[in-house]
């Protein structure tokens, strides 16, 4: 749906479907970062427990015990051996949540600090590690429970545009601080 809607004109949108497989994530996420060198990667995952569109603040390195679609689980039960336990996104999710909520879309947006220790969290952590925090993860409920594809597409469009705005303004501040 987001691919149909697109983003603002100065943004190149690349959409990939990432299989629910630990080993594919470990190979694919670094390859996509290398191929595109993006300003930001936003992962979107469906959660059967979600009733809102949920912005995840951080990814976790350990605690992966569930088998993936290939009936595989990392023996170490972690994403990156020796990596930090938790990596926060550099995107201020509280600000993004407030801004998107203020737009009056017919979708509720919330914040979370736990993406679930399965492939969503595994993918997020892997991407955060690869990008030094320049990633985001959005959990959405299954279609129709309660939102339509169009509602979710519009919400994702607004969320990503706000994330890019927050990221650009935070980089302006970082640049400004270094000049003084």
N, C-alpha and C. Protein backbone atom coordinates (compact mmCIF):
# COMPACT_ATOMS: atom_id res chain seq x y z
N UNK A 1 0.83 -1.20 0.00
CA UNK A 1 0.00 0.00 0.00
C UNK A 1 0.87 1.26 0.00
N UNK A 2 1.91 1.25 0.81
CA UNK A 2 2.81 2.40 0.87
C UNK A 2 3.51 2.61 -0.47
N UNK A 3 3.83 1.51 -1.13
CA UNK A 3 4.47 1.62 -2.44
C UNK A 3 3.57 2.37 -3.42
N UNK A 4 2.25 2.14 -3.34
CA UNK A 4 1.29 2.86 -4.19
C UNK A 4 1.25 4.34 -3.84
N UNK A 5 1.22 4.64 -2.54
CA UNK A 5 1.11 6.02 -2.07
C UNK A 5 2.40 6.80 -2.29
N UNK A 6 3.52 6.13 -2.06
CA UNK A 6 4.82 6.78 -2.17
C UNK A 6 5.08 7.71 -1.00
N UNK A 7 6.24 8.36 -1.07
CA UNK A 7 6.63 9.35 -0.07
C UNK A 7 6.89 10.66 -0.79
N UNK A 8 7.34 11.66 -0.06
CA UNK A 8 7.59 12.95 -0.70
C UNK A 8 8.62 12.79 -1.84
N UNK A 9 8.65 13.78 -2.74
CA UNK A 9 9.41 13.68 -3.98
C UNK A 9 10.91 13.46 -3.79
N UNK A 10 11.47 13.96 -2.70
CA UNK A 10 12.93 13.85 -2.51
C UNK A 10 13.35 12.55 -1.83
N UNK A 11 12.43 11.58 -1.74
CA UNK A 11 12.71 10.31 -1.07
C UNK A 11 12.59 9.16 -2.06
N UNK A 12 13.65 8.37 -2.13
CA UNK A 12 13.61 7.13 -2.92
C UNK A 12 13.13 6.02 -2.00
N UNK A 13 12.01 5.42 -2.34
CA UNK A 13 11.43 4.36 -1.52
C UNK A 13 11.77 3.01 -2.14
N UNK A 14 12.37 2.13 -1.35
CA UNK A 14 12.67 0.77 -1.78
C UNK A 14 11.91 -0.16 -0.84
N UNK A 15 11.09 -1.05 -1.40
CA UNK A 15 10.29 -1.95 -0.59
C UNK A 15 10.77 -3.38 -0.81
N UNK A 16 11.05 -4.06 0.28
CA UNK A 16 11.47 -5.47 0.23
C UNK A 16 10.63 -6.26 1.21
N UNK A 17 10.31 -7.49 0.84
CA UNK A 17 9.69 -8.40 1.78
C UNK A 17 10.78 -9.28 2.37
N UNK A 18 10.90 -9.26 3.68
CA UNK A 18 11.94 -10.02 4.36
C UNK A 18 11.31 -11.30 4.91
N UNK A 19 11.82 -12.46 4.49
CA UNK A 19 11.26 -13.72 4.99
C UNK A 19 11.43 -13.86 6.51
N UNK A 20 10.56 -14.64 7.11
CA UNK A 20 10.59 -14.88 8.55
C UNK A 20 11.60 -16.00 8.82
N UNK A 21 12.89 -15.67 8.57
CA UNK A 21 13.98 -16.65 8.67
C UNK A 21 15.22 -15.95 9.22
N UNK A 22 15.71 -16.42 10.34
CA UNK A 22 16.88 -15.80 10.99
C UNK A 22 18.08 -15.69 10.05
N UNK A 23 18.42 -16.77 9.37
CA UNK A 23 19.63 -16.76 8.54
C UNK A 23 19.48 -15.82 7.35
N UNK A 24 18.29 -15.72 6.79
CA UNK A 24 18.06 -14.77 5.68
C UNK A 24 18.22 -13.34 6.18
N UNK A 25 17.68 -13.05 7.37
CA UNK A 25 17.81 -11.71 7.95
C UNK A 25 19.29 -11.36 8.15
N UNK A 26 20.06 -12.32 8.68
CA UNK A 26 21.48 -12.07 8.94
C UNK A 26 22.25 -11.77 7.65
N UNK A 27 21.79 -12.31 6.54
CA UNK A 27 22.46 -12.10 5.25
C UNK A 27 21.88 -10.88 4.53
N UNK A 28 20.56 -10.76 4.52
CA UNK A 28 19.87 -9.75 3.71
C UNK A 28 20.00 -8.34 4.26
N UNK A 29 19.83 -8.14 5.55
CA UNK A 29 19.83 -6.78 6.12
C UNK A 29 21.17 -6.08 5.85
N UNK A 30 22.32 -6.70 6.17
CA UNK A 30 23.59 -6.02 5.84
C UNK A 30 23.74 -5.77 4.33
N UNK A 31 23.28 -6.70 3.51
CA UNK A 31 23.38 -6.54 2.05
C UNK A 31 22.56 -5.36 1.56
N UNK A 32 21.36 -5.17 2.12
CA UNK A 32 20.52 -4.03 1.72
C UNK A 32 21.15 -2.71 2.17
N UNK A 33 21.72 -2.68 3.37
CA UNK A 33 22.39 -1.46 3.83
C UNK A 33 23.56 -1.13 2.91
N UNK A 34 24.31 -2.15 2.53
CA UNK A 34 25.47 -1.94 1.66
C UNK A 34 25.03 -1.47 0.27
N UNK A 35 23.98 -2.09 -0.26
CA UNK A 35 23.50 -1.77 -1.61
C UNK A 35 22.97 -0.35 -1.71
N UNK A 36 22.17 0.08 -0.74
CA UNK A 36 21.46 1.36 -0.85
C UNK A 36 22.09 2.51 -0.05
N UNK A 37 22.89 2.22 0.97
CA UNK A 37 23.42 3.26 1.88
C UNK A 37 22.33 4.27 2.25
N UNK A 38 21.23 3.79 2.80
CA UNK A 38 20.09 4.68 3.04
C UNK A 38 20.29 5.64 4.21
N UNK A 39 19.51 6.71 4.17
CA UNK A 39 19.47 7.64 5.30
C UNK A 39 18.77 6.96 6.48
N UNK A 40 17.78 6.14 6.15
CA UNK A 40 16.96 5.49 7.16
C UNK A 40 16.33 4.23 6.57
N UNK A 41 16.25 3.17 7.39
CA UNK A 41 15.49 1.98 7.01
C UNK A 41 14.36 1.84 8.01
N UNK A 42 13.15 1.67 7.50
CA UNK A 42 11.98 1.46 8.35
C UNK A 42 11.43 0.06 8.06
N UNK A 43 11.48 -0.79 9.07
CA UNK A 43 10.94 -2.14 8.94
C UNK A 43 9.50 -2.12 9.44
N UNK A 44 8.65 -2.91 8.80
CA UNK A 44 7.25 -3.01 9.20
C UNK A 44 6.93 -4.49 9.37
N UNK A 45 6.36 -4.82 10.51
CA UNK A 45 5.99 -6.21 10.78
C UNK A 45 4.58 -6.30 11.31
N UNK A 46 3.95 -7.43 11.02
CA UNK A 46 2.59 -7.67 11.51
C UNK A 46 2.67 -8.39 12.84
N UNK A 47 1.90 -7.91 13.80
CA UNK A 47 1.79 -8.56 15.10
C UNK A 47 0.33 -8.91 15.35
N UNK A 48 0.07 -10.19 15.55
CA UNK A 48 -1.29 -10.64 15.84
C UNK A 48 -1.83 -10.08 17.14
N UNK A 49 -0.93 -9.62 18.02
CA UNK A 49 -1.35 -9.06 19.31
C UNK A 49 -1.61 -7.56 19.23
N UNK A 50 -1.12 -6.92 18.16
CA UNK A 50 -1.23 -5.45 18.07
C UNK A 50 -2.66 -5.03 17.74
N UNK A 51 -3.08 -3.95 18.38
CA UNK A 51 -4.38 -3.33 18.06
C UNK A 51 -4.17 -1.88 17.62
N UNK A 52 -2.91 -1.43 17.69
CA UNK A 52 -2.55 -0.09 17.27
C UNK A 52 -1.34 -0.20 16.33
N UNK A 53 -0.99 0.91 15.70
CA UNK A 53 0.26 0.99 14.96
C UNK A 53 1.31 1.36 16.00
N UNK A 54 2.32 0.54 16.16
CA UNK A 54 3.25 0.66 17.28
C UNK A 54 4.66 0.97 16.81
N UNK A 55 5.21 2.07 17.31
CA UNK A 55 6.58 2.47 17.01
C UNK A 55 7.49 1.84 18.05
N UNK A 56 8.43 1.03 17.60
CA UNK A 56 9.36 0.35 18.50
C UNK A 56 10.58 1.24 18.73
N UNK A 57 10.92 1.45 19.99
CA UNK A 57 12.05 2.32 20.34
C UNK A 57 13.41 1.64 20.20
N UNK A 58 13.46 0.32 20.43
CA UNK A 58 14.76 -0.36 20.48
C UNK A 58 14.65 -1.81 20.06
N UNK A 59 15.81 -2.36 19.72
CA UNK A 59 15.91 -3.78 19.39
C UNK A 59 16.76 -4.48 20.43
N UNK A 60 16.51 -5.78 20.62
CA UNK A 60 17.20 -6.56 21.65
C UNK A 60 18.07 -7.65 21.02
N UNK A 61 19.19 -7.92 21.66
CA UNK A 61 20.17 -8.86 21.11
C UNK A 61 19.93 -10.31 21.52
N UNK A 62 19.41 -10.54 22.71
CA UNK A 62 19.32 -11.91 23.22
C UNK A 62 17.89 -12.33 23.54
N UNK A 63 17.70 -13.65 23.62
CA UNK A 63 16.39 -14.20 24.01
C UNK A 63 15.60 -14.79 22.87
N UNK A 64 16.26 -15.11 21.76
CA UNK A 64 15.57 -15.65 20.59
C UNK A 64 15.51 -17.17 20.67
N UNK A 65 14.33 -17.68 21.03
CA UNK A 65 14.15 -19.11 21.24
C UNK A 65 13.15 -19.73 20.28
N UNK A 66 12.32 -18.89 19.63
CA UNK A 66 11.28 -19.41 18.74
C UNK A 66 11.84 -19.83 17.39
N UNK A 67 11.34 -20.94 16.87
CA UNK A 67 11.76 -21.42 15.55
C UNK A 67 11.16 -20.54 14.46
N UNK A 68 11.95 -20.30 13.40
CA UNK A 68 11.46 -19.50 12.27
C UNK A 68 10.71 -20.38 11.27
N UNK A 69 10.40 -19.82 10.11
CA UNK A 69 9.65 -20.57 9.09
C UNK A 69 10.41 -21.75 8.51
N UNK A 70 11.73 -21.80 8.74
CA UNK A 70 12.54 -22.94 8.30
C UNK A 70 12.82 -23.89 9.47
N UNK A 71 12.12 -23.67 10.58
CA UNK A 71 12.29 -24.46 11.79
C UNK A 71 13.70 -24.35 12.34
N UNK A 72 14.28 -23.13 12.22
CA UNK A 72 15.63 -22.85 12.68
C UNK A 72 15.58 -21.81 13.80
N UNK A 73 16.53 -21.93 14.72
CA UNK A 73 16.71 -20.92 15.76
C UNK A 73 18.22 -20.81 15.99
N UNK A 74 18.74 -19.57 16.12
CA UNK A 74 20.18 -19.44 16.35
C UNK A 74 20.59 -20.15 17.65
N UNK A 75 21.64 -20.95 17.57
CA UNK A 75 22.11 -21.67 18.75
C UNK A 75 22.48 -20.75 19.89
N UNK A 76 23.00 -19.57 19.55
CA UNK A 76 23.40 -18.59 20.57
C UNK A 76 22.20 -17.85 21.15
N UNK A 77 21.05 -17.98 20.51
CA UNK A 77 19.82 -17.27 20.87
C UNK A 77 20.03 -15.76 20.84
N UNK A 78 20.98 -15.29 20.03
CA UNK A 78 21.19 -13.85 19.92
C UNK A 78 21.41 -13.44 18.46
N UNK A 79 21.31 -12.14 18.23
CA UNK A 79 21.49 -11.58 16.89
C UNK A 79 22.96 -11.47 16.53
N UNK A 80 23.69 -10.73 17.34
CA UNK A 80 25.09 -10.41 17.10
C UNK A 80 25.88 -10.80 18.34
N UNK A 81 26.66 -11.87 18.25
CA UNK A 81 27.45 -12.29 19.41
C UNK A 81 28.40 -11.17 19.81
N UNK A 82 28.35 -10.81 21.10
CA UNK A 82 29.19 -9.73 21.60
C UNK A 82 28.59 -8.34 21.42
N UNK A 83 27.43 -8.27 20.77
CA UNK A 83 26.78 -6.98 20.59
C UNK A 83 26.11 -6.52 21.88
N UNK A 84 25.80 -5.21 21.98
CA UNK A 84 25.11 -4.72 23.18
C UNK A 84 23.73 -5.38 23.34
N UNK A 85 23.25 -5.47 24.57
CA UNK A 85 21.95 -6.10 24.84
C UNK A 85 20.82 -5.39 24.11
N UNK A 86 20.88 -4.06 24.07
CA UNK A 86 19.78 -3.28 23.49
C UNK A 86 20.39 -2.13 22.67
N UNK A 87 19.78 -1.85 21.52
CA UNK A 87 20.20 -0.68 20.74
C UNK A 87 18.95 0.16 20.49
N UNK A 88 19.05 1.44 20.85
CA UNK A 88 17.94 2.38 20.61
C UNK A 88 18.05 2.96 19.22
N UNK A 89 16.90 3.22 18.62
CA UNK A 89 16.87 3.97 17.37
C UNK A 89 17.26 5.41 17.66
N UNK A 90 17.95 6.05 16.72
CA UNK A 90 18.27 7.47 16.91
C UNK A 90 17.04 8.34 16.63
N UNK A 91 15.98 7.75 16.09
CA UNK A 91 14.74 8.49 15.86
C UNK A 91 14.00 8.67 17.18
N UNK A 92 13.59 9.88 17.47
CA UNK A 92 12.81 10.17 18.68
C UNK A 92 11.37 9.71 18.44
N UNK A 93 11.07 8.48 18.85
CA UNK A 93 9.75 7.88 18.59
C UNK A 93 8.63 8.62 19.31
N UNK A 94 8.93 9.20 20.49
CA UNK A 94 7.89 9.95 21.21
C UNK A 94 7.43 11.14 20.38
N UNK A 95 8.38 11.86 19.78
CA UNK A 95 8.05 13.01 18.94
C UNK A 95 7.27 12.57 17.71
N UNK A 96 7.72 11.49 17.07
CA UNK A 96 7.02 10.98 15.87
C UNK A 96 5.59 10.59 16.24
N UNK A 97 5.43 9.90 17.35
CA UNK A 97 4.10 9.47 17.79
C UNK A 97 3.19 10.67 18.02
N UNK A 98 3.68 11.68 18.72
CA UNK A 98 2.88 12.89 18.99
C UNK A 98 2.48 13.58 17.69
N UNK A 99 3.44 13.75 16.79
CA UNK A 99 3.17 14.45 15.53
C UNK A 99 2.15 13.71 14.67
N UNK A 100 2.31 12.39 14.55
CA UNK A 100 1.39 11.61 13.72
C UNK A 100 0.00 11.59 14.36
N UNK A 101 -0.04 11.45 15.67
CA UNK A 101 -1.34 11.46 16.37
C UNK A 101 -2.06 12.79 16.16
N UNK A 102 -1.30 13.88 16.10
CA UNK A 102 -1.89 15.22 15.92
C UNK A 102 -2.44 15.44 14.51
N UNK A 103 -2.08 14.57 13.56
CA UNK A 103 -2.57 14.72 12.19
C UNK A 103 -4.04 14.34 12.05
N UNK A 104 -4.56 13.63 13.04
CA UNK A 104 -5.97 13.27 12.99
C UNK A 104 -6.28 12.12 12.04
N UNK A 105 -5.31 11.27 11.77
CA UNK A 105 -5.59 10.08 10.96
C UNK A 105 -6.48 9.16 11.79
N UNK A 106 -7.21 8.29 11.13
CA UNK A 106 -8.12 7.39 11.85
C UNK A 106 -7.39 6.12 12.30
N UNK A 107 -6.18 6.30 12.78
CA UNK A 107 -5.34 5.19 13.25
C UNK A 107 -4.68 5.62 14.56
N UNK A 108 -4.67 4.74 15.54
CA UNK A 108 -4.01 5.03 16.81
C UNK A 108 -2.55 4.59 16.73
N UNK A 109 -1.64 5.49 17.13
CA UNK A 109 -0.21 5.21 17.12
C UNK A 109 0.30 5.21 18.56
N UNK A 110 1.05 4.18 18.91
CA UNK A 110 1.59 4.04 20.27
C UNK A 110 3.10 3.72 20.19
N UNK A 111 3.71 3.64 21.37
CA UNK A 111 5.16 3.40 21.51
C UNK A 111 5.38 2.10 22.27
N UNK A 112 6.46 1.39 21.93
CA UNK A 112 6.83 0.17 22.64
C UNK A 112 8.35 0.10 22.78
N UNK A 113 8.79 -0.60 23.81
CA UNK A 113 10.22 -0.86 24.01
C UNK A 113 10.54 -2.34 23.88
N UNK A 114 9.60 -3.13 23.36
CA UNK A 114 9.83 -4.57 23.22
C UNK A 114 9.14 -5.10 21.97
N UNK A 115 9.94 -5.36 20.94
CA UNK A 115 9.40 -5.83 19.66
C UNK A 115 9.16 -7.35 19.65
N UNK A 116 9.38 -8.04 20.77
CA UNK A 116 8.88 -9.40 20.90
C UNK A 116 9.82 -10.58 20.84
N UNK A 117 11.12 -10.40 20.69
CA UNK A 117 12.09 -11.50 20.68
C UNK A 117 11.75 -12.58 19.66
N UNK A 118 11.29 -12.15 18.49
CA UNK A 118 11.12 -13.09 17.38
C UNK A 118 11.69 -12.39 16.16
N UNK A 119 11.26 -12.72 14.99
CA UNK A 119 11.93 -12.20 13.80
C UNK A 119 11.82 -10.69 13.64
N UNK A 120 10.76 -10.06 14.13
CA UNK A 120 10.66 -8.61 14.04
C UNK A 120 11.77 -7.95 14.85
N UNK A 121 11.89 -8.35 16.11
CA UNK A 121 12.92 -7.80 16.99
C UNK A 121 14.32 -8.16 16.47
N UNK A 122 14.48 -9.39 15.99
CA UNK A 122 15.75 -9.86 15.44
C UNK A 122 16.16 -9.01 14.23
N UNK A 123 15.22 -8.75 13.35
CA UNK A 123 15.47 -7.92 12.16
C UNK A 123 15.82 -6.50 12.59
N UNK A 124 15.05 -5.95 13.53
CA UNK A 124 15.26 -4.58 13.99
C UNK A 124 16.66 -4.44 14.60
N UNK A 125 17.01 -5.35 15.51
CA UNK A 125 18.32 -5.26 16.15
C UNK A 125 19.44 -5.36 15.10
N UNK A 126 19.29 -6.31 14.19
CA UNK A 126 20.31 -6.49 13.15
C UNK A 126 20.49 -5.21 12.34
N UNK A 127 19.39 -4.56 12.00
CA UNK A 127 19.43 -3.32 11.24
C UNK A 127 19.99 -2.16 12.07
N UNK A 128 19.57 -2.07 13.32
CA UNK A 128 20.10 -1.02 14.21
C UNK A 128 21.62 -1.17 14.37
N UNK A 129 22.07 -2.41 14.53
CA UNK A 129 23.50 -2.68 14.69
C UNK A 129 24.26 -2.28 13.42
N UNK A 130 23.71 -2.66 12.29
CA UNK A 130 24.33 -2.37 10.99
C UNK A 130 24.41 -0.86 10.74
N UNK A 131 23.40 -0.13 11.20
CA UNK A 131 23.24 1.29 10.85
C UNK A 131 23.62 2.26 11.95
N UNK A 132 24.10 1.75 13.07
CA UNK A 132 24.39 2.60 14.24
C UNK A 132 23.15 3.40 14.66
N UNK A 133 22.01 2.72 14.64
CA UNK A 133 20.77 3.31 15.15
C UNK A 133 19.88 3.99 14.12
N UNK A 134 20.28 3.98 12.84
CA UNK A 134 19.50 4.69 11.80
C UNK A 134 18.39 3.80 11.22
N UNK A 135 17.70 3.12 12.09
CA UNK A 135 16.61 2.23 11.68
C UNK A 135 15.40 2.50 12.56
N UNK A 136 14.27 2.05 12.05
CA UNK A 136 13.03 2.14 12.82
C UNK A 136 12.24 0.86 12.57
N UNK A 137 11.35 0.55 13.50
CA UNK A 137 10.48 -0.61 13.32
C UNK A 137 9.07 -0.21 13.72
N UNK A 138 8.12 -0.57 12.87
CA UNK A 138 6.71 -0.28 13.10
C UNK A 138 5.95 -1.60 13.08
N UNK A 139 5.27 -1.90 14.18
CA UNK A 139 4.38 -3.06 14.21
C UNK A 139 2.98 -2.61 13.82
N UNK A 140 2.34 -3.39 12.97
CA UNK A 140 0.96 -3.10 12.59
C UNK A 140 0.10 -4.32 12.91
N UNK A 141 -1.18 -4.09 13.21
CA UNK A 141 -2.08 -5.23 13.43
C UNK A 141 -2.40 -5.91 12.10
N UNK A 142 -2.91 -7.13 12.15
CA UNK A 142 -3.33 -7.79 10.91
C UNK A 142 -4.39 -6.97 10.17
N UNK A 143 -4.42 -7.08 8.86
CA UNK A 143 -5.41 -6.33 8.07
C UNK A 143 -6.81 -6.60 8.56
N UNK A 144 -7.58 -5.51 8.66
CA UNK A 144 -8.97 -5.62 9.08
C UNK A 144 -9.16 -5.73 10.59
N UNK A 145 -8.08 -5.75 11.35
CA UNK A 145 -8.18 -5.93 12.81
C UNK A 145 -7.45 -4.82 13.55
N UNK A 146 -7.85 -3.59 13.52
CA UNK A 146 -9.09 -3.05 12.96
C UNK A 146 -8.92 -2.26 11.66
N UNK A 147 -7.69 -2.10 11.14
CA UNK A 147 -7.46 -1.14 10.07
C UNK A 147 -7.41 -1.77 8.68
N UNK A 148 -7.84 -0.98 7.69
CA UNK A 148 -7.76 -1.42 6.30
C UNK A 148 -6.33 -1.19 5.78
N UNK A 149 -6.03 -1.77 4.64
CA UNK A 149 -4.73 -1.56 4.01
C UNK A 149 -4.51 -0.08 3.72
N UNK A 150 -5.55 0.61 3.29
CA UNK A 150 -5.44 2.04 2.98
C UNK A 150 -5.11 2.85 4.24
N UNK A 151 -5.79 2.53 5.34
CA UNK A 151 -5.51 3.24 6.59
C UNK A 151 -4.06 3.01 7.04
N UNK A 152 -3.61 1.77 6.96
CA UNK A 152 -2.23 1.46 7.36
C UNK A 152 -1.23 2.12 6.42
N UNK A 153 -1.52 2.12 5.14
CA UNK A 153 -0.63 2.77 4.17
C UNK A 153 -0.48 4.26 4.44
N UNK A 154 -1.60 4.93 4.70
CA UNK A 154 -1.55 6.37 5.01
C UNK A 154 -0.80 6.62 6.32
N UNK A 155 -1.05 5.76 7.31
CA UNK A 155 -0.35 5.90 8.60
C UNK A 155 1.15 5.71 8.42
N UNK A 156 1.56 4.70 7.68
CA UNK A 156 2.99 4.46 7.45
C UNK A 156 3.62 5.61 6.68
N UNK A 157 2.90 6.13 5.71
CA UNK A 157 3.40 7.28 4.94
C UNK A 157 3.67 8.45 5.89
N UNK A 158 2.70 8.77 6.74
CA UNK A 158 2.84 9.89 7.69
C UNK A 158 3.97 9.61 8.68
N UNK A 159 4.04 8.39 9.19
CA UNK A 159 5.08 8.02 10.17
C UNK A 159 6.47 8.18 9.56
N UNK A 160 6.67 7.64 8.36
CA UNK A 160 8.00 7.70 7.75
C UNK A 160 8.38 9.13 7.41
N UNK A 161 7.43 9.92 6.92
CA UNK A 161 7.75 11.32 6.62
C UNK A 161 8.11 12.09 7.89
N UNK A 162 7.41 11.81 8.99
CA UNK A 162 7.76 12.45 10.27
C UNK A 162 9.12 11.96 10.77
N UNK A 163 9.41 10.67 10.61
CA UNK A 163 10.72 10.14 11.01
C UNK A 163 11.83 10.84 10.25
N UNK A 164 11.65 11.00 8.95
CA UNK A 164 12.67 11.68 8.14
C UNK A 164 12.83 13.13 8.58
N UNK A 165 11.73 13.79 8.90
CA UNK A 165 11.79 15.18 9.36
C UNK A 165 12.54 15.27 10.70
N UNK A 166 12.21 14.38 11.64
CA UNK A 166 12.87 14.36 12.94
C UNK A 166 14.36 14.07 12.75
N UNK A 167 14.68 13.12 11.89
CA UNK A 167 16.08 12.76 11.64
C UNK A 167 16.84 13.94 11.04
N UNK A 168 16.25 14.60 10.05
CA UNK A 168 16.91 15.74 9.41
C UNK A 168 17.15 16.87 10.41
N UNK A 169 16.16 17.14 11.27
CA UNK A 169 16.33 18.22 12.25
C UNK A 169 17.33 17.86 13.34
N UNK A 170 17.38 16.59 13.73
CA UNK A 170 18.36 16.19 14.75
C UNK A 170 19.77 16.26 14.17
N UNK A 171 19.92 15.96 12.87
CA UNK A 171 21.25 16.06 12.24
C UNK A 171 21.67 17.52 12.10
N UNK A 172 20.71 18.42 11.86
CA UNK A 172 21.02 19.85 11.81
C UNK A 172 21.59 20.30 13.15
N UNK A 173 20.99 19.84 14.26
CA UNK A 173 21.45 20.20 15.59
C UNK A 173 22.85 19.64 15.85
N UNK A 174 23.08 18.40 15.42
CA UNK A 174 24.40 17.77 15.62
C UNK A 174 25.46 18.57 14.85
N UNK A 175 25.15 18.92 13.61
CA UNK A 175 26.08 19.69 12.79
C UNK A 175 26.35 21.03 13.44
N UNK A 176 25.28 21.67 13.91
CA UNK A 176 25.40 22.99 14.55
C UNK A 176 26.28 22.90 15.80
N UNK A 177 26.11 21.88 16.60
CA UNK A 177 26.89 21.74 17.82
C UNK A 177 28.37 21.57 17.52
N UNK A 178 28.69 20.92 16.43
CA UNK A 178 30.10 20.70 16.08
C UNK A 178 30.75 21.98 15.57
N UNK A 179 29.98 22.92 15.08
CA UNK A 179 30.55 24.15 14.52
C UNK A 179 30.92 25.17 15.60
N UNK A 180 30.41 25.02 16.81
CA UNK A 180 30.67 26.00 17.87
C UNK A 180 31.89 25.67 18.68
